[in-house]
PDB file of N, CA and C in Angstrom:
ATOM      1  N   UNK A   1      83.895  96.028 125.073  1.00  0.00           N
ATOM      2  CA  UNK A   1      85.076  96.294 124.325  1.00  0.00           C
ATOM      3  C   UNK A   1      85.571  94.991 123.765  1.00  0.00           C
ATOM      4  N   UNK A   2      85.989  95.051 122.561  1.00  0.00           N
ATOM      5  CA  UNK A   2      86.433  93.891 121.772  1.00  0.00           C
ATOM      6  C   UNK A   2      87.854  93.417 122.315  1.00  0.00           C
ATOM      7  N   UNK A   3      88.024  92.149 122.549  1.00  0.00           N
ATOM      8  CA  UNK A   3      89.272  91.685 123.017  1.00  0.00           C
ATOM      9  C   UNK A   3      90.403  91.875 121.979  1.00  0.00           C
ATOM     10  N   UNK A   4      91.664  92.095 122.292  1.00  0.00           N
ATOM     11  CA  UNK A   4      92.646  92.262 121.428  1.00  0.00           C
ATOM     12  C   UNK A   4      92.850  90.979 120.653  1.00  0.00           C
ATOM     13  N   UNK A   5      93.206  91.003 119.372  1.00  0.00           N
ATOM     14  CA  UNK A   5      93.430  89.768 118.667  1.00  0.00           C
ATOM     15  C   UNK A   5      94.791  89.093 119.160  1.00  0.00           C
ATOM     16  N   UNK A   6      94.724  87.771 118.927  1.00  0.00           N
ATOM     17  CA  UNK A   6      95.965  87.064 119.180  1.00  0.00           C
ATOM     18  C   UNK A   6      97.193  87.450 118.310  1.00  0.00           C
ATOM     19  N   UNK A   7      98.333  87.350 118.771  1.00  0.00           N
ATOM     20  CA  UNK A   7      99.507  87.896 117.963  1.00  0.00           C
ATOM     21  C   UNK A   7      99.551  87.119 116.648  1.00  0.00           C
ATOM     22  N   UNK A   8      99.241  85.856 116.546  1.00  0.00           N
ATOM     23  CA  UNK A   8      99.257  85.142 115.327  1.00  0.00           C
ATOM     24  C   UNK A   8      98.119  85.615 114.377  1.00  0.00           C
ATOM     25  N   UNK A   9      97.002  86.087 114.992  1.00  0.00           N
ATOM     26  CA  UNK A   9      95.886  86.607 114.212  1.00  0.00           C
ATOM     27  C   UNK A   9      96.183  87.798 113.394  1.00  0.00           C
ATOM     28  N   UNK A  10      97.094  88.567 113.930  1.00  0.00           N
ATOM     29  CA  UNK A  10      97.544  89.871 113.186  1.00  0.00           C
ATOM     30  C   UNK A  10      98.241  89.600 111.821  1.00  0.00           C
ATOM     31  N   UNK A  11      98.984  88.516 111.825  1.00  0.00           N
ATOM     32  CA  UNK A  11      99.628  88.069 110.624  1.00  0.00           C
ATOM     33  C   UNK A  11      98.545  87.585 109.627  1.00  0.00           C
ATOM     34  N   UNK A  12      97.612  86.840 110.147  1.00  0.00           N
ATOM     35  CA  UNK A  12      96.527  86.350 109.307  1.00  0.00           C
ATOM     36  C   UNK A  12      95.779  87.481 108.715  1.00  0.00           C
ATOM     37  N   UNK A  13      95.452  88.512 109.443  1.00  0.00           N
ATOM     38  CA  UNK A  13      94.640  89.622 108.960  1.00  0.00           C
ATOM     39  C   UNK A  13      95.381  90.330 107.906  1.00  0.00           C
ATOM     40  N   UNK A  14      96.819  90.513 108.146  1.00  0.00           N
ATOM     41  CA  UNK A  14      97.638  91.172 107.156  1.00  0.00           C
ATOM     42  C   UNK A  14      97.663  90.409 105.873  1.00  0.00           C
ATOM     43  N   UNK A  15      97.837  89.103 105.975  1.00  0.00           N
ATOM     44  CA  UNK A  15      97.827  88.273 104.762  1.00  0.00           C
ATOM     45  C   UNK A  15      96.457  88.380 104.086  1.00  0.00           C
ATOM     46  N   UNK A  16      95.415  88.361 104.754  1.00  0.00           N
ATOM     47  CA  UNK A  16      93.998  88.536 104.171  1.00  0.00           C
ATOM     48  C   UNK A  16      93.854  89.921 103.468  1.00  0.00           C
ATOM     49  N   UNK A  17      94.518  90.994 104.004  1.00  0.00           N
ATOM     50  CA  UNK A  17      94.506  92.214 103.256  1.00  0.00           C
ATOM     51  C   UNK A  17      95.300  92.183 101.993  1.00  0.00           C
ATOM     52  N   UNK A  18      96.444  91.517 102.082  1.00  0.00           N
ATOM     53  CA  UNK A  18      97.350  91.483 100.815  1.00  0.00           C
ATOM     54  C   UNK A  18      96.495  90.648  99.728  1.00  0.00           C
ATOM     55  N   UNK A  19      95.899  89.561 100.168  1.00  0.00           N
ATOM     56  CA  UNK A  19      95.201  88.713  99.184  1.00  0.00           C
ATOM     57  C   UNK A  19      93.987  89.433  98.589  1.00  0.00           C
ATOM     58  N   UNK A  20      93.368  90.162  99.492  1.00  0.00           N
ATOM     59  CA  UNK A  20      92.207  90.962  99.098  1.00  0.00           C
ATOM     60  C   UNK A  20      92.602  92.031  98.057  1.00  0.00           C
ATOM     61  N   UNK A  21      93.666  92.657  98.254  1.00  0.00           N
ATOM     62  CA  UNK A  21      94.197  93.633  97.319  1.00  0.00           C
ATOM     63  C   UNK A  21      94.631  93.069  96.018  1.00  0.00           C
ATOM     64  N   UNK A  22      95.263  91.932  96.132  1.00  0.00           N
ATOM     65  CA  UNK A  22      95.631  91.153  94.827  1.00  0.00           C
ATOM     66  C   UNK A  22      94.382  90.789  94.055  1.00  0.00           C
ATOM     67  N   UNK A  23      93.250  90.391  94.683  1.00  0.00           N
ATOM     68  CA  UNK A  23      92.088  89.983  94.038  1.00  0.00           C
ATOM     69  C   UNK A  23      91.326  91.122  93.506  1.00  0.00           C
ATOM     70  N   UNK A  24      91.418  92.323  94.115  1.00  0.00           N
ATOM     71  CA  UNK A  24      90.544  93.319  93.703  1.00  0.00           C
ATOM     72  C   UNK A  24      91.190  94.482  92.901  1.00  0.00           C
ATOM     73  N   UNK A  25      92.515  94.578  92.991  1.00  0.00           N
ATOM     74  CA  UNK A  25      93.231  95.703  92.405  1.00  0.00           C
ATOM     75  C   UNK A  25      94.088  95.207  91.349  1.00  0.00           C
ATOM     76  N   UNK A  26      93.819  95.757  90.079  1.00  0.00           N
ATOM     77  CA  UNK A  26      94.532  95.354  88.916  1.00  0.00           C
ATOM     78  C   UNK A  26      96.002  95.794  89.074  1.00  0.00           C
ATOM     79  N   UNK A  27      96.147  96.989  89.513  1.00  0.00           N
ATOM     80  CA  UNK A  27      97.551  97.559  89.637  1.00  0.00           C
ATOM     81  C   UNK A  27      98.455  96.813  90.640  1.00  0.00           C
ATOM     82  N   UNK A  28      97.759  96.202  91.611  1.00  0.00           N
ATOM     83  CA  UNK A  28      98.542  95.338  92.617  1.00  0.00           C
ATOM     84  C   UNK A  28      98.978  94.103  91.870  1.00  0.00           C
ATOM     85  N   UNK A  29      98.192  93.486  91.012  1.00  0.00           N
ATOM     86  CA  UNK A  29      98.505  92.423  90.250  1.00  0.00           C
ATOM     87  C   UNK A  29      99.700  92.740  89.286  1.00  0.00           C
ATOM     88  N   UNK A  30      99.613  93.963  88.682  1.00  0.00           N
ATOM     89  CA  UNK A  30     100.675  94.401  87.686  1.00  0.00           C
ATOM     90  C   UNK A  30     101.979  94.521  88.600  1.00  0.00           C
ATOM     91  N   UNK A  31     101.984  95.102  89.710  1.00  0.00           N
ATOM     92  CA  UNK A  31     103.252  95.268  90.559  1.00  0.00           C
ATOM     93  C   UNK A  31     103.766  93.875  90.903  1.00  0.00           C
ATOM     94  N   UNK A  32     102.897  92.864  91.165  1.00  0.00           N
ATOM     95  CA  UNK A  32     103.384  91.570  91.454  1.00  0.00           C
ATOM     96  C   UNK A  32     104.079  90.872  90.170  1.00  0.00           C
ATOM     97  N   UNK A  33     103.489  90.972  89.124  1.00  0.00           N
ATOM     98  CA  UNK A  33     104.016  90.539  87.850  1.00  0.00           C
ATOM     99  C   UNK A  33     105.438  91.203  87.628  1.00  0.00           C
ATOM    100  N   UNK A  34     105.449  92.467  87.823  1.00  0.00           N
ATOM    101  CA  UNK A  34     106.674  93.253  87.607  1.00  0.00           C
ATOM    102  C   UNK A  34     107.776  92.814  88.582  1.00  0.00           C
ATOM    103  N   UNK A  35     107.347  92.484  89.862  1.00  0.00           N
ATOM    104  CA  UNK A  35     108.232  92.040  90.874  1.00  0.00           C
ATOM    105  C   UNK A  35     108.838  90.743  90.471  1.00  0.00           C
ATOM    106  N   UNK A  36     108.129  89.731  89.965  1.00  0.00           N
ATOM    107  CA  UNK A  36     108.651  88.495  89.524  1.00  0.00           C
ATOM    108  C   UNK A  36     109.646  88.689  88.373  1.00  0.00           C
ATOM    109  N   UNK A  37     109.169  89.439  87.399  1.00  0.00           N
ATOM    110  CA  UNK A  37     110.117  89.692  86.210  1.00  0.00           C
ATOM    111  C   UNK A  37     111.509  90.371  86.663  1.00  0.00           C
ATOM    112  N   UNK A  38     111.361  91.417  87.481  1.00  0.00           N
ATOM    113  CA  UNK A  38     112.561  92.031  88.025  1.00  0.00           C
ATOM    114  C   UNK A  38     113.467  91.133  88.753  1.00  0.00           C
ATOM    115  N   UNK A  39     112.866  90.319  89.658  1.00  0.00           N
ATOM    116  CA  UNK A  39     113.724  89.443  90.453  1.00  0.00           C
ATOM    117  C   UNK A  39     114.368  88.290  89.550  1.00  0.00           C
ATOM    118  N   UNK A  40     113.557  87.822  88.618  1.00  0.00           N
ATOM    119  CA  UNK A  40     114.209  86.870  87.700  1.00  0.00           C
ATOM    120  C   UNK A  40     115.387  87.445  86.907  1.00  0.00           C
ATOM    121  N   UNK A  41     115.135  88.635  86.409  1.00  0.00           N
ATOM    122  CA  UNK A  41     116.210  89.363  85.661  1.00  0.00           C
ATOM    123  C   UNK A  41     117.388  89.603  86.628  1.00  0.00           C
ATOM    124  N   UNK A  42     117.100  89.944  87.839  1.00  0.00           N
ATOM    125  CA  UNK A  42     118.292  90.068  88.728  1.00  0.00           C
ATOM    126  C   UNK A  42     119.085  88.874  88.912  1.00  0.00           C
ATOM    127  N   UNK A  43     118.311  87.699  89.035  1.00  0.00           N
ATOM    128  CA  UNK A  43     119.189  86.373  89.056  1.00  0.00           C
ATOM    129  C   UNK A  43     119.738  86.101  87.765  1.00  0.00           C
ATOM    130  N   UNK A  44     119.154  86.364  86.657  1.00  0.00           N
ATOM    131  CA  UNK A  44     119.743  86.089  85.387  1.00  0.00           C
ATOM    132  C   UNK A  44     121.071  86.881  85.195  1.00  0.00           C
ATOM    133  N   UNK A  45     121.007  88.040  85.427  1.00  0.00           N
ATOM    134  CA  UNK A  45     122.251  88.967  85.349  1.00  0.00           C
ATOM    135  C   UNK A  45     123.168  88.950  86.525  1.00  0.00           C
ATOM    136  N   UNK A  46     122.883  88.107  87.458  1.00  0.00           N
ATOM    137  CA  UNK A  46     123.697  87.955  88.614  1.00  0.00           C
ATOM    138  C   UNK A  46     123.990  89.197  89.344  1.00  0.00           C
ATOM    139  N   UNK A  47     123.002  89.904  89.725  1.00  0.00           N
ATOM    140  CA  UNK A  47     123.174  91.138  90.449  1.00  0.00           C
ATOM    141  C   UNK A  47     123.831  90.813  91.794  1.00  0.00           C
ATOM    142  N   UNK A  48     124.494  91.655  92.402  1.00  0.00           N
ATOM    143  CA  UNK A  48     125.070  91.459  93.723  1.00  0.00           C
ATOM    144  C   UNK A  48     123.950  91.461  94.826  1.00  0.00           C
ATOM    145  N   UNK A  49     124.348  90.834  95.940  1.00  0.00           N
ATOM    146  CA  UNK A  49     123.431  90.792  97.017  1.00  0.00           C
ATOM    147  C   UNK A  49     122.982  92.217  97.405  1.00  0.00           C
ATOM    148  N   UNK A  50     123.955  93.144  97.417  1.00  0.00           N
ATOM    149  CA  UNK A  50     123.547  94.503  97.719  1.00  0.00           C
ATOM    150  C   UNK A  50     122.525  95.134  96.774  1.00  0.00           C
ATOM    151  N   UNK A  51     122.690  94.912  95.476  1.00  0.00           N
ATOM    152  CA  UNK A  51     121.794  95.358  94.435  1.00  0.00           C
ATOM    153  C   UNK A  51     120.338  94.714  94.606  1.00  0.00           C
ATOM    154  N   UNK A  52     120.364  93.430  94.872  1.00  0.00           N
ATOM    155  CA  UNK A  52     119.072  92.755  94.960  1.00  0.00           C
ATOM    156  C   UNK A  52     118.438  93.254  96.255  1.00  0.00           C
ATOM    157  N   UNK A  53     119.186  93.627  97.346  1.00  0.00           N
ATOM    158  CA  UNK A  53     118.668  94.218  98.516  1.00  0.00           C
ATOM    159  C   UNK A  53     117.929  95.545  98.263  1.00  0.00           C
ATOM    160  N   UNK A  54     118.658  96.332  97.488  1.00  0.00           N
ATOM    161  CA  UNK A  54     118.082  97.587  97.071  1.00  0.00           C
ATOM    162  C   UNK A  54     116.781  97.353  96.272  1.00  0.00           C
ATOM    163  N   UNK A  55     116.718  96.464  95.384  1.00  0.00           N
ATOM    164  CA  UNK A  55     115.583  96.210  94.525  1.00  0.00           C
ATOM    165  C   UNK A  55     114.448  95.655  95.487  1.00  0.00           C
ATOM    166  N   UNK A  56     114.736  94.763  96.445  1.00  0.00           N
ATOM    167  CA  UNK A  56     113.640  94.405  97.324  1.00  0.00           C
ATOM    168  C   UNK A  56     113.041  95.537  98.199  1.00  0.00           C
ATOM    169  N   UNK A  57     113.998  96.519  98.503  1.00  0.00           N
ATOM    170  CA  UNK A  57     113.499  97.740  99.317  1.00  0.00           C
ATOM    171  C   UNK A  57     112.499  98.527  98.474  1.00  0.00           C
ATOM    172  N   UNK A  58     112.868  98.809  97.209  1.00  0.00           N
ATOM    173  CA  UNK A  58     112.009  99.663  96.385  1.00  0.00           C
ATOM    174  C   UNK A  58     110.753  98.874  96.020  1.00  0.00           C
ATOM    175  N   UNK A  59     110.796  97.561  95.811  1.00  0.00           N
ATOM    176  CA  UNK A  59     109.690  96.759  95.500  1.00  0.00           C
ATOM    177  C   UNK A  59     108.787  96.810  96.688  1.00  0.00           C
ATOM    178  N   UNK A  60     109.323  96.559  97.832  1.00  0.00           N
ATOM    179  CA  UNK A  60     108.457  96.630  99.033  1.00  0.00           C
ATOM    180  C   UNK A  60     107.820  97.967  99.251  1.00  0.00           C
ATOM    181  N   UNK A  61     108.457  98.981  98.990  1.00  0.00           N
ATOM    182  CA  UNK A  61     107.898 100.380  99.009  1.00  0.00           C
ATOM    183  C   UNK A  61     106.710 100.608  98.117  1.00  0.00           C
ATOM    184  N   UNK A  62     106.984 100.199  96.861  1.00  0.00           N
ATOM    185  CA  UNK A  62     105.804 100.206  95.893  1.00  0.00           C
ATOM    186  C   UNK A  62     104.617  99.391  96.278  1.00  0.00           C
ATOM    187  N   UNK A  63     104.840  98.259  96.679  1.00  0.00           N
ATOM    188  CA  UNK A  63     103.739  97.364  97.119  1.00  0.00           C
ATOM    189  C   UNK A  63     103.064  97.945  98.381  1.00  0.00           C
ATOM    190  N   UNK A  64     103.903  98.379  99.314  1.00  0.00           N
ATOM    191  CA  UNK A  64     103.279  99.098 100.518  1.00  0.00           C
ATOM    192  C   UNK A  64     102.450 100.261 100.109  1.00  0.00           C
ATOM    193  N   UNK A  65     102.849 101.095  99.252  1.00  0.00           N
ATOM    194  CA  UNK A  65     102.304 102.289  98.796  1.00  0.00           C
ATOM    195  C   UNK A  65     100.977 101.873  98.184  1.00  0.00           C
ATOM    196  N   UNK A  66     100.950 100.803  97.222  1.00  0.00           N
ATOM    197  CA  UNK A  66      99.722 100.466  96.697  1.00  0.00           C
ATOM    198  C   UNK A  66      98.742  99.848  97.673  1.00  0.00           C
ATOM    199  N   UNK A  67      99.244  99.203  98.726  1.00  0.00           N
ATOM    200  CA  UNK A  67      98.269  98.629  99.820  1.00  0.00           C
ATOM    201  C   UNK A  67      97.708  99.829 100.533  1.00  0.00           C
ATOM    202  N   UNK A  68      98.485 100.904 100.864  1.00  0.00           N
ATOM    203  CA  UNK A  68      97.934 102.184 101.583  1.00  0.00           C
ATOM    204  C   UNK A  68      97.062 102.788 100.648  1.00  0.00           C
ATOM    205  N   UNK A  69      97.314 102.848  99.374  1.00  0.00           N
ATOM    206  CA  UNK A  69      96.353 103.525  98.416  1.00  0.00           C
ATOM    207  C   UNK A  69      94.990 102.764  98.423  1.00  0.00           C
ATOM    208  N   UNK A  70      95.029 101.520  98.438  1.00  0.00           N
ATOM    209  CA  UNK A  70      93.847 100.663  98.427  1.00  0.00           C
ATOM    210  C   UNK A  70      93.120 100.984  99.713  1.00  0.00           C
ATOM    211  N   UNK A  71      93.758 100.971 100.823  1.00  0.00           N
ATOM    212  CA  UNK A  71      93.087 101.312 102.058  1.00  0.00           C
ATOM    213  C   UNK A  71      92.426 102.649 102.084  1.00  0.00           C
ATOM    214  N   UNK A  72      93.100 103.624 101.568  1.00  0.00           N
ATOM    215  CA  UNK A  72      92.627 105.036 101.602  1.00  0.00           C
ATOM    216  C   UNK A  72      91.307 104.963 100.658  1.00  0.00           C
ATOM    217  N   UNK A  73      91.383 104.355  99.449  1.00  0.00           N
ATOM    218  CA  UNK A  73      90.344 104.313  98.487  1.00  0.00           C
ATOM    219  C   UNK A  73      89.105 103.652  99.167  1.00  0.00           C
ATOM    220  N   UNK A  74      89.303 102.590  99.972  1.00  0.00           N
ATOM    221  CA  UNK A  74      88.165 101.939 100.549  1.00  0.00           C
ATOM    222  C   UNK A  74      87.577 102.794 101.662  1.00  0.00           C
ATOM    223  N   UNK A  75      88.368 103.418 102.478  1.00  0.00           N
ATOM    224  CA  UNK A  75      87.887 104.341 103.480  1.00  0.00           C
ATOM    225  C   UNK A  75      87.117 105.434 102.888  1.00  0.00           C
ATOM    226  N   UNK A  76      87.625 106.108 101.805  1.00  0.00           N
ATOM    227  CA  UNK A  76      86.873 107.225 101.239  1.00  0.00           C
ATOM    228  C   UNK A  76      85.583 106.688 100.670  1.00  0.00           C
ATOM    229  N   UNK A  77      85.561 105.502  99.982  1.00  0.00           N
ATOM    230  CA  UNK A  77      84.309 105.014  99.461  1.00  0.00           C
ATOM    231  C   UNK A  77      83.241 104.752 100.586  1.00  0.00           C
ATOM    232  N   UNK A  78      83.792 104.305 101.741  1.00  0.00           N
ATOM    233  CA  UNK A  78      82.952 104.064 102.849  1.00  0.00           C
ATOM    234  C   UNK A  78      82.330 105.286 103.485  1.00  0.00           C
ATOM    235  N   UNK A  79      83.073 106.324 103.591  1.00  0.00           N
ATOM    236  CA  UNK A  79      82.494 107.635 104.260  1.00  0.00           C
ATOM    237  C   UNK A  79      81.994 108.509 103.288  1.00  0.00           C
ATOM    238  N   UNK A  80      82.271 108.358 102.031  1.00  0.00           N
ATOM    239  CA  UNK A  80      81.709 109.269 101.015  1.00  0.00           C
ATOM    240  C   UNK A  80      81.297 108.490  99.783  1.00  0.00           C
ATOM    241  N   UNK A  81      80.106 107.727  99.890  1.00  0.00           N
ATOM    242  CA  UNK A  81      79.781 106.982  98.682  1.00  0.00           C
ATOM    243  C   UNK A  81      79.373 107.832  97.493  1.00  0.00           C
ATOM    244  N   UNK A  82      78.988 109.059  97.695  1.00  0.00           N
ATOM    245  CA  UNK A  82      78.691 109.963  96.633  1.00  0.00           C
ATOM    246  C   UNK A  82      79.978 110.619  96.218  1.00  0.00           C
ATOM    247  N   UNK A  83      80.054 111.138  95.011  1.00  0.00           N
ATOM    248  CA  UNK A  83      81.148 111.861  94.530  1.00  0.00           C
ATOM    249  C   UNK A  83      81.356 113.143  95.259  1.00  0.00           C
ATOM    250  N   UNK A  84      82.450 113.439  95.729  1.00  0.00           N
ATOM    251  CA  UNK A  84      82.806 114.711  96.333  1.00  0.00           C
ATOM    252  C   UNK A  84      84.314 115.116  96.006  1.00  0.00           C
ATOM    253  N   UNK A  85      84.473 116.478  95.823  1.00  0.00           N
ATOM    254  CA  UNK A  85      85.804 116.911  95.334  1.00  0.00           C
ATOM    255  C   UNK A  85      86.898 116.533  96.415  1.00  0.00           C
ATOM    256  N   UNK A  86      86.583 116.470  97.711  1.00  0.00           N
ATOM    257  CA  UNK A  86      87.729 116.117  98.721  1.00  0.00           C
ATOM    258  C   UNK A  86      87.904 114.623  98.643  1.00  0.00           C
ATOM    259  N   UNK A  87      86.871 113.842  98.380  1.00  0.00           N
ATOM    260  CA  UNK A  87      87.080 112.306  98.142  1.00  0.00           C
ATOM    261  C   UNK A  87      88.015 112.190  96.945  1.00  0.00           C
ATOM    262  N   UNK A  88      87.705 112.794  95.897  1.00  0.00           N
ATOM    263  CA  UNK A  88      88.499 112.783  94.726  1.00  0.00           C
ATOM    264  C   UNK A  88      89.969 113.155  94.937  1.00  0.00           C
ATOM    265  N   UNK A  89      90.162 114.304  95.738  1.00  0.00           N
ATOM    266  CA  UNK A  89      91.478 114.635  96.010  1.00  0.00           C
ATOM    267  C   UNK A  89      92.176 113.603  96.760  1.00  0.00           C
ATOM    268  N   UNK A  90      91.584 113.006  97.824  1.00  0.00           N
ATOM    269  CA  UNK A  90      92.316 111.980  98.666  1.00  0.00           C
ATOM    270  C   UNK A  90      92.666 110.852  97.762  1.00  0.00           C
ATOM    271  N   UNK A  91      91.705 110.369  96.928  1.00  0.00           N
ATOM    272  CA  UNK A  91      92.043 109.196  96.092  1.00  0.00           C
ATOM    273  C   UNK A  91      93.208 109.488  95.087  1.00  0.00           C
ATOM    274  N   UNK A  92      93.011 110.669  94.523  1.00  0.00           N
ATOM    275  CA  UNK A  92      94.177 111.051  93.460  1.00  0.00           C
ATOM    276  C   UNK A  92      95.515 111.236  94.075  1.00  0.00           C
ATOM    277  N   UNK A  93      95.458 111.856  95.317  1.00  0.00           N
ATOM    278  CA  UNK A  93      96.847 112.082  95.973  1.00  0.00           C
ATOM    279  C   UNK A  93      97.380 110.693  96.410  1.00  0.00           C
ATOM    280  N   UNK A  94      96.631 109.790  96.809  1.00  0.00           N
ATOM    281  CA  UNK A  94      97.099 108.396  97.224  1.00  0.00           C
ATOM    282  C   UNK A  94      97.610 107.768  96.030  1.00  0.00           C
ATOM    283  N   UNK A  95      96.869 107.867  94.924  1.00  0.00           N
ATOM    284  CA  UNK A  95      97.314 107.196  93.608  1.00  0.00           C
ATOM    285  C   UNK A  95      98.579 107.846  93.257  1.00  0.00           C
ATOM    286  N   UNK A  96      98.720 109.156  93.380  1.00  0.00           N
ATOM    287  CA  UNK A  96      99.981 109.905  93.059  1.00  0.00           C
ATOM    288  C   UNK A  96     101.164 109.379  93.768  1.00  0.00           C
ATOM    289  N   UNK A  97     100.976 109.083  95.122  1.00  0.00           N
ATOM    290  CA  UNK A  97     102.096 108.590  95.818  1.00  0.00           C
ATOM    291  C   UNK A  97     102.443 107.245  95.265  1.00  0.00           C
ATOM    292  N   UNK A  98     101.673 106.423  94.866  1.00  0.00           N
ATOM    293  CA  UNK A  98     102.139 105.170  94.345  1.00  0.00           C
ATOM    294  C   UNK A  98     102.825 105.368  92.949  1.00  0.00           C
ATOM    295  N   UNK A  99     102.318 106.331  92.114  1.00  0.00           N
ATOM    296  CA  UNK A  99     103.047 106.655  90.891  1.00  0.00           C
ATOM    297  C   UNK A  99     104.517 107.119  91.135  1.00  0.00           C
ATOM    298  N   UNK A 100     104.636 108.084  92.107  1.00  0.00           N
ATOM    299  CA  UNK A 100     105.967 108.539  92.494  1.00  0.00           C
ATOM    300  C   UNK A 100     106.824 107.422  92.859  1.00  0.00           C
ATOM    301  N   UNK A 101     106.387 106.584  93.785  1.00  0.00           N
ATOM    302  CA  UNK A 101     107.236 105.435  94.234  1.00  0.00           C
ATOM    303  C   UNK A 101     107.532 104.501  93.114  1.00  0.00           C
ATOM    304  N   UNK A 102     106.585 104.141  92.192  1.00  0.00           N
ATOM    305  CA  UNK A 102     106.888 103.304  91.067  1.00  0.00           C
ATOM    306  C   UNK A 102     107.898 103.930  90.073  1.00  0.00           C
ATOM    307  N   UNK A 103     107.875 105.219  89.941  1.00  0.00           N
ATOM    308  CA  UNK A 103     108.783 105.974  89.138  1.00  0.00           C
ATOM    309  C   UNK A 103     110.205 105.839  89.697  1.00  0.00           C
ATOM    310  N   UNK A 104     110.210 106.087  91.060  1.00  0.00           N
ATOM    311  CA  UNK A 104     111.604 105.913  91.710  1.00  0.00           C
ATOM    312  C   UNK A 104     112.110 104.442  91.549  1.00  0.00           C
ATOM    313  N   UNK A 105     111.225 103.508  91.715  1.00  0.00           N
ATOM    314  CA  UNK A 105     111.612 102.150  91.594  1.00  0.00           C
ATOM    315  C   UNK A 105     112.226 101.890  90.120  1.00  0.00           C
ATOM    316  N   UNK A 106     111.553 102.381  89.218  1.00  0.00           N
ATOM    317  CA  UNK A 106     111.970 102.171  87.708  1.00  0.00           C
ATOM    318  C   UNK A 106     113.385 102.883  87.604  1.00  0.00           C
ATOM    319  N   UNK A 107     113.519 104.058  88.079  1.00  0.00           N
ATOM    320  CA  UNK A 107     114.898 104.655  88.134  1.00  0.00           C
ATOM    321  C   UNK A 107     115.935 103.840  88.785  1.00  0.00           C
ATOM    322  N   UNK A 108     115.653 103.440  89.948  1.00  0.00           N
ATOM    323  CA  UNK A 108     116.637 102.573  90.723  1.00  0.00           C
ATOM    324  C   UNK A 108     116.832 101.298  89.862  1.00  0.00           C
ATOM    325  N   UNK A 109     115.864 100.678  89.317  1.00  0.00           N
ATOM    326  CA  UNK A 109     116.069  99.461  88.453  1.00  0.00           C
ATOM    327  C   UNK A 109     116.975  99.812  87.291  1.00  0.00           C
ATOM    328  N   UNK A 110     116.794 100.870  86.609  1.00  0.00           N
ATOM    329  CA  UNK A 110     117.593 101.290  85.603  1.00  0.00           C
ATOM    330  C   UNK A 110     119.033 101.413  85.872  1.00  0.00           C
ATOM    331  N   UNK A 111     119.239 102.060  86.954  1.00  0.00           N
ATOM    332  CA  UNK A 111     120.682 102.262  87.474  1.00  0.00           C
ATOM    333  C   UNK A 111     121.289 100.870  87.855  1.00  0.00           C
ATOM    334  N   UNK A 112     120.576 100.033  88.505  1.00  0.00           N
ATOM    335  CA  UNK A 112     121.148  98.760  88.873  1.00  0.00           C
ATOM    336  C   UNK A 112     121.354  97.768  87.689  1.00  0.00           C
ATOM    337  N   UNK A 113     120.515  97.895  86.730  1.00  0.00           N
ATOM    338  CA  UNK A 113     120.584  96.953  85.537  1.00  0.00           C
ATOM    339  C   UNK A 113     121.338  97.498  84.398  1.00  0.00           C
ATOM    340  N   UNK A 114     121.735  98.752  84.373  1.00  0.00           N
ATOM    341  CA  UNK A 114     122.424  99.443  83.276  1.00  0.00           C
ATOM    342  C   UNK A 114     123.772  98.604  82.975  1.00  0.00           C
ATOM    343  N   UNK A 115     124.674  98.502  83.853  1.00  0.00           N
ATOM    344  CA  UNK A 115     125.937  97.921  83.617  1.00  0.00           C
ATOM    345  C   UNK A 115     125.771  96.468  83.236  1.00  0.00           C
ATOM    346  N   UNK A 116     124.986  95.545  84.002  1.00  0.00           N
ATOM    347  CA  UNK A 116     124.883  94.205  83.486  1.00  0.00           C
ATOM    348  C   UNK A 116     124.312  94.011  82.100  1.00  0.00           C
ATOM    349  N   UNK A 117     123.312  94.949  81.791  1.00  0.00           N
ATOM    350  CA  UNK A 117     122.730  94.750  80.424  1.00  0.00           C
ATOM    351  C   UNK A 117     123.669  95.219  79.427  1.00  0.00           C
ATOM    352  N   UNK A 118     124.422  96.389  79.699  1.00  0.00           N
ATOM    353  CA  UNK A 118     125.344  96.847  78.723  1.00  0.00           C
ATOM    354  C   UNK A 118     126.442  95.794  78.470  1.00  0.00           C
ATOM    355  N   UNK A 119     126.900  95.185  79.495  1.00  0.00           N
ATOM    356  CA  UNK A 119     127.964  94.126  79.336  1.00  0.00           C
ATOM    357  C   UNK A 119     127.476  92.939  78.552  1.00  0.00           C
ATOM    358  N   UNK A 120     126.153  92.688  78.692  1.00  0.00           N
ATOM    359  CA  UNK A 120     125.542  91.551  78.014  1.00  0.00           C
ATOM    360  C   UNK A 120     125.439  91.685  76.520  1.00  0.00           C
ATOM    361  N   UNK A 121     125.361  92.891  76.020  1.00  0.00           N
ATOM    362  CA  UNK A 121     125.277  93.172  74.570  1.00  0.00           C
ATOM    363  C   UNK A 121     126.639  93.534  73.920  1.00  0.00           C
ATOM    364  N   UNK A 122     127.653  93.516  74.728  1.00  0.00           N
ATOM    365  CA  UNK A 122     129.023  93.844  74.146  1.00  0.00           C
ATOM    366  C   UNK A 122     129.805  92.609  73.721  1.00  0.00           C
TER     367      UNK A 122
END
């Protein structure tokens, strides 16, 4: 039986997973770029701490969904290297979860940025 990893190793493994996803997944890089843009905009428009907290929550959920999607796709590729309708269904469903969360994040962003942007143009 393999010994349990040290507590500090678990953080390193998690960081390796995030870095791996950033290197291999285009959509993960897109989410990271969007995150930087949104957070810079939040600072520029001086959103409240509460609004920034809400943004951080939805950003975290989108990135977590993308990481889970990547994990599911990797597992499916491992156990089903040939095309299979159930493999397609698993991958499409996981990608759909990311899309739903990203759409929710966009809606939340629109709600939080609406007033500051409206005031900027008046």
